Amino acid sequence: MLYRLIADTAMVVHLAFLAYVALGGFLAWRLPRMIWPHVACALYGLGITVIGWNCPLTHLENWGRQKAGQTGLPEAGFIDHYVTGIVYPEDHLLTAQLAVAATVAVSWAGYLALTGRRRRNKTPSST
């Protein structure tokens, strides 16, 4: 039971991480200090996607599932198992990746615009 709980928790945290990678830049619009954790997570997500880094959450979920006597994730990994074919069609992986990248870029551009506006509003005007 404990191992299944570990695996299920890893799955939920993994989904939350993916949502944060895609949308966390918008959180920084409201909480500017959140931009740096988002930059780190987005860059790590990019590394997983482009370079093929291993994800520790996938490893943890596999470990928990195997210890619980369940089948681990397929070799293709977490996204192929839980997201591809469910959130977007299987043949549109690149489109989904580009949409996430565009969403991150828009959120960062909005963050920069809001930060600039806040700085301009804080400077004392000379009268």
C-alpha atoms as a PDB file:
ATOM      1  CA  MET A   1       0.000   0.000   0.000  1.00  0.00           C
ATOM      2  CA  LEU A   2       2.812   2.413   0.880  1.00  0.00           C
ATOM      3  CA  TYR A   3       4.624   1.826  -2.414  1.00  0.00           C
ATOM      4  CA  ARG A   4       1.452   2.424  -4.400  1.00  0.00           C
ATOM      5  CA  LEU A   5       0.915   5.659  -2.464  1.00  0.00           C
ATOM      6  CA  ILE A   6       4.479   6.712  -3.312  1.00  0.00           C
ATOM      7  CA  ALA A   7       3.904   5.929  -7.002  1.00  0.00           C
ATOM      8  CA  ASP A   8       0.550   7.733  -7.093  1.00  0.00           C
ATOM      9  CA  THR A   9       2.014  10.752  -5.303  1.00  0.00           C
ATOM     10  CA  ALA A  10       4.895  10.864  -7.787  1.00  0.00           C
ATOM     11  CA  MET A  11       2.353  10.795 -10.630  1.00  0.00           C
ATOM     12  CA  VAL A  12       0.355  13.698  -9.157  1.00  0.00           C
ATOM     13  CA  VAL A  13       3.505  15.735  -8.472  1.00  0.00           C
ATOM     14  CA  HIS A  14       4.649  14.996 -12.025  1.00  0.00           C
ATOM     15  CA  LEU A  15       1.384  16.322 -13.458  1.00  0.00           C
ATOM     16  CA  ALA A  16       1.653  19.409 -11.238  1.00  0.00           C
ATOM     17  CA  PHE A  17       5.235  19.943 -12.429  1.00  0.00           C
ATOM     18  CA  LEU A  18       4.119  19.769 -16.070  1.00  0.00           C
ATOM     19  CA  ALA A  19       1.346  22.268 -15.396  1.00  0.00           C
ATOM     20  CA  TYR A  20       3.827  24.562 -13.634  1.00  0.00           C
ATOM     21  CA  VAL A  21       6.287  24.337 -16.530  1.00  0.00           C
ATOM     22  CA  ALA A  22       3.543  25.325 -18.965  1.00  0.00           C
ATOM     23  CA  LEU A  23       1.764  27.959 -16.869  1.00  0.00           C
ATOM     24  CA  GLY A  24       4.060  28.999 -14.023  1.00  0.00           C
ATOM     25  CA  GLY A  25       5.256  32.113 -15.845  1.00  0.00           C
ATOM     26  CA  PHE A  26       1.757  33.531 -15.477  1.00  0.00           C
ATOM     27  CA  LEU A  27       2.001  32.999 -11.711  1.00  0.00           C
ATOM     28  CA  ALA A  28       5.045  35.285 -11.774  1.00  0.00           C
ATOM     29  CA  TRP A  29       2.818  38.086 -13.104  1.00  0.00           C
ATOM     30  CA  ARG A  30       1.159  38.127  -9.689  1.00  0.00           C
ATOM     31  CA  LEU A  31       4.125  36.946  -7.610  1.00  0.00           C
ATOM     32  CA  PRO A  32       7.270  38.279  -9.319  1.00  0.00           C
ATOM     33  CA  ARG A  33       9.636  36.285  -7.090  1.00  0.00           C
ATOM     34  CA  MET A  34       8.267  33.098  -8.716  1.00  0.00           C
ATOM     35  CA  ILE A  35       9.944  33.846 -12.046  1.00  0.00           C
ATOM     36  CA  TRP A  36      13.276  32.260 -11.090  1.00  0.00           C
ATOM     37  CA  PRO A  37      11.832  28.916  -9.932  1.00  0.00           C
ATOM     38  CA  HIS A  38       9.799  28.898 -13.121  1.00  0.00           C
ATOM     39  CA  VAL A  39      12.854  29.626 -15.282  1.00  0.00           C
ATOM     40  CA  ALA A  40      14.685  26.733 -13.593  1.00  0.00           C
ATOM     41  CA  CYS A  41      11.760  24.336 -14.079  1.00  0.00           C
ATOM     42  CA  ALA A  42      11.193  25.398 -17.679  1.00  0.00           C
ATOM     43  CA  LEU A  43      14.875  24.946 -18.517  1.00  0.00           C
ATOM     44  CA  TYR A  44      14.890  21.535 -16.845  1.00  0.00           C
ATOM     45  CA  GLY A  45      11.772  20.571 -18.813  1.00  0.00           C
ATOM     46  CA  LEU A  46      13.497  21.745 -21.977  1.00  0.00           C
ATOM     47  CA  GLY A  47      16.516  19.620 -21.099  1.00  0.00           C
ATOM     48  CA  ILE A  48      14.313  16.571 -20.621  1.00  0.00           C
ATOM     49  CA  THR A  49      12.605  17.204 -23.955  1.00  0.00           C
ATOM     50  CA  VAL A  50      15.579  18.203 -26.106  1.00  0.00           C
ATOM     51  CA  ILE A  51      18.571  16.496 -24.506  1.00  0.00           C
ATOM     52  CA  GLY A  52      16.758  13.503 -23.067  1.00  0.00           C
ATOM     53  CA  TRP A  53      17.660  13.974 -19.408  1.00  0.00           C
ATOM     54  CA  ASN A  54      16.064  11.488 -17.057  1.00  0.00           C
ATOM     55  CA  CYS A  55      13.257  12.673 -14.827  1.00  0.00           C
ATOM     56  CA  PRO A  56      13.552  11.627 -11.184  1.00  0.00           C
ATOM     57  CA  LEU A  57       9.756  11.631 -10.808  1.00  0.00           C
ATOM     58  CA  THR A  58       9.449   9.002 -13.540  1.00  0.00           C
ATOM     59  CA  HIS A  59      12.085   6.916 -11.781  1.00  0.00           C
ATOM     60  CA  LEU A  60      10.284   7.287  -8.424  1.00  0.00           C
ATOM     61  CA  GLU A  61       6.920   6.327  -9.886  1.00  0.00           C
ATOM     62  CA  ASN A  62       8.423   3.285 -11.627  1.00  0.00           C
ATOM     63  CA  TRP A  63      10.140   2.213  -8.421  1.00  0.00           C
ATOM     64  CA  GLY A  64       6.948   2.567  -6.386  1.00  0.00           C
ATOM     65  CA  ARG A  65       4.821   0.721  -8.925  1.00  0.00           C
ATOM     66  CA  GLN A  66       7.298  -2.142  -9.233  1.00  0.00           C
ATOM     67  CA  LYS A  67       7.609  -2.454  -5.425  1.00  0.00           C
ATOM     68  CA  ALA A  68       3.792  -2.511  -5.234  1.00  0.00           C
ATOM     69  CA  GLY A  69       3.713  -5.388  -7.725  1.00  0.00           C
ATOM     70  CA  GLN A  70       2.381  -3.235 -10.556  1.00  0.00           C
ATOM     71  CA  THR A  71       3.710  -2.660 -14.016  1.00  0.00           C
ATOM     72  CA  GLY A  72       5.971   0.366 -14.233  1.00  0.00           C
ATOM     73  CA  LEU A  73       5.728   3.043 -16.865  1.00  0.00           C
ATOM     74  CA  PRO A  74       6.545   2.021 -20.431  1.00  0.00           C
ATOM     75  CA  GLU A  75      10.020   2.784 -21.787  1.00  0.00           C
ATOM     76  CA  ALA A  76       8.635   5.866 -23.560  1.00  0.00           C
ATOM     77  CA  GLY A  77       7.959   7.466 -20.161  1.00  0.00           C
ATOM     78  CA  PHE A  78       5.436   9.498 -18.243  1.00  0.00           C
ATOM     79  CA  ILE A  79       4.220  11.864 -20.956  1.00  0.00           C
ATOM     80  CA  ASP A  80       3.669   9.104 -23.504  1.00  0.00           C
ATOM     81  CA  HIS A  81       1.786   7.049 -20.923  1.00  0.00           C
ATOM     82  CA  TYR A  82      -0.419   9.694 -19.286  1.00  0.00           C
ATOM     83  CA  VAL A  83      -0.577  12.683 -21.643  1.00  0.00           C
ATOM     84  CA  THR A  84      -0.035  11.727 -25.293  1.00  0.00           C
ATOM     85  CA  GLY A  85      -3.243  10.457 -26.836  1.00  0.00           C
ATOM     86  CA  ILE A  86      -5.286  11.809 -23.934  1.00  0.00           C
ATOM     87  CA  VAL A  87      -4.562  15.552 -23.817  1.00  0.00           C
ATOM     88  CA  TYR A  88      -3.536  15.766 -27.485  1.00  0.00           C
ATOM     89  CA  PRO A  89      -3.524  13.265 -30.377  1.00  0.00           C
ATOM     90  CA  GLU A  90      -0.493  10.984 -30.591  1.00  0.00           C
ATOM     91  CA  ASP A  91       0.658  12.399 -33.910  1.00  0.00           C
ATOM     92  CA  HIS A  92       0.733  15.974 -32.552  1.00  0.00           C
ATOM     93  CA  LEU A  93       3.516  15.696 -29.973  1.00  0.00           C
ATOM     94  CA  LEU A  94       5.637  18.350 -31.677  1.00  0.00           C
ATOM     95  CA  THR A  95       2.631  20.660 -31.936  1.00  0.00           C
ATOM     96  CA  ALA A  96       1.953  20.240 -28.211  1.00  0.00           C
ATOM     97  CA  GLN A  97       5.607  20.891 -27.359  1.00  0.00           C
ATOM     98  CA  LEU A  98       5.639  24.030 -29.490  1.00  0.00           C
ATOM     99  CA  ALA A  99       2.377  25.204 -27.907  1.00  0.00           C
ATOM    100  CA  VAL A 100       3.882  24.807 -24.432  1.00  0.00           C
ATOM    101  CA  ALA A 101       7.036  26.651 -25.546  1.00  0.00           C
ATOM    102  CA  ALA A 102       4.900  29.473 -26.973  1.00  0.00           C
ATOM    103  CA  THR A 103       2.867  29.644 -23.764  1.00  0.00           C
ATOM    104  CA  VAL A 104       6.058  29.933 -21.704  1.00  0.00           C
ATOM    105  CA  ALA A 105       7.404  32.625 -24.057  1.00  0.00           C
ATOM    106  CA  VAL A 106       4.165  34.628 -23.805  1.00  0.00           C
ATOM    107  CA  SER A 107       4.172  34.337 -20.015  1.00  0.00           C
ATOM    108  CA  TRP A 108       7.779  35.543 -19.821  1.00  0.00           C
ATOM    109  CA  ALA A 109       7.118  38.427 -22.229  1.00  0.00           C
ATOM    110  CA  GLY A 110       4.139  39.444 -20.113  1.00  0.00           C
ATOM    111  CA  TYR A 111       6.250  39.217 -16.977  1.00  0.00           C
ATOM    112  CA  LEU A 112       8.895  41.499 -18.521  1.00  0.00           C
ATOM    113  CA  ALA A 113       6.240  44.000 -19.635  1.00  0.00           C
ATOM    114  CA  LEU A 114       4.622  44.060 -16.197  1.00  0.00           C
ATOM    115  CA  THR A 115       7.992  44.374 -14.464  1.00  0.00           C
ATOM    116  CA  GLY A 116       8.885  47.329 -16.685  1.00  0.00           C
ATOM    117  CA  ARG A 117       5.553  48.988 -15.978  1.00  0.00           C
ATOM    118  CA  ARG A 118       5.960  48.474 -12.223  1.00  0.00           C
ATOM    119  CA  ARG A 119       9.440  50.005 -12.301  1.00  0.00           C
ATOM    120  CA  ARG A 120       8.233  53.027 -14.274  1.00  0.00           C
ATOM    121  CA  ASN A 121       5.366  53.548 -11.838  1.00  0.00           C
ATOM    122  CA  LYS A 122       7.718  53.412  -8.834  1.00  0.00           C
ATOM    123  CA  THR A 123      10.129  56.063 -10.082  1.00  0.00           C
ATOM    124  CA  PRO A 124       9.321  59.453  -8.615  1.00  0.00           C
ATOM    125  CA  SER A 125       8.188  61.919 -11.199  1.00  0.00           C
ATOM    126  CA  SER A 126       9.908  65.280 -11.289  1.00  0.00           C
ATOM    127  CA  THR A 127       7.566  68.230 -11.034  1.00  0.00           C
END
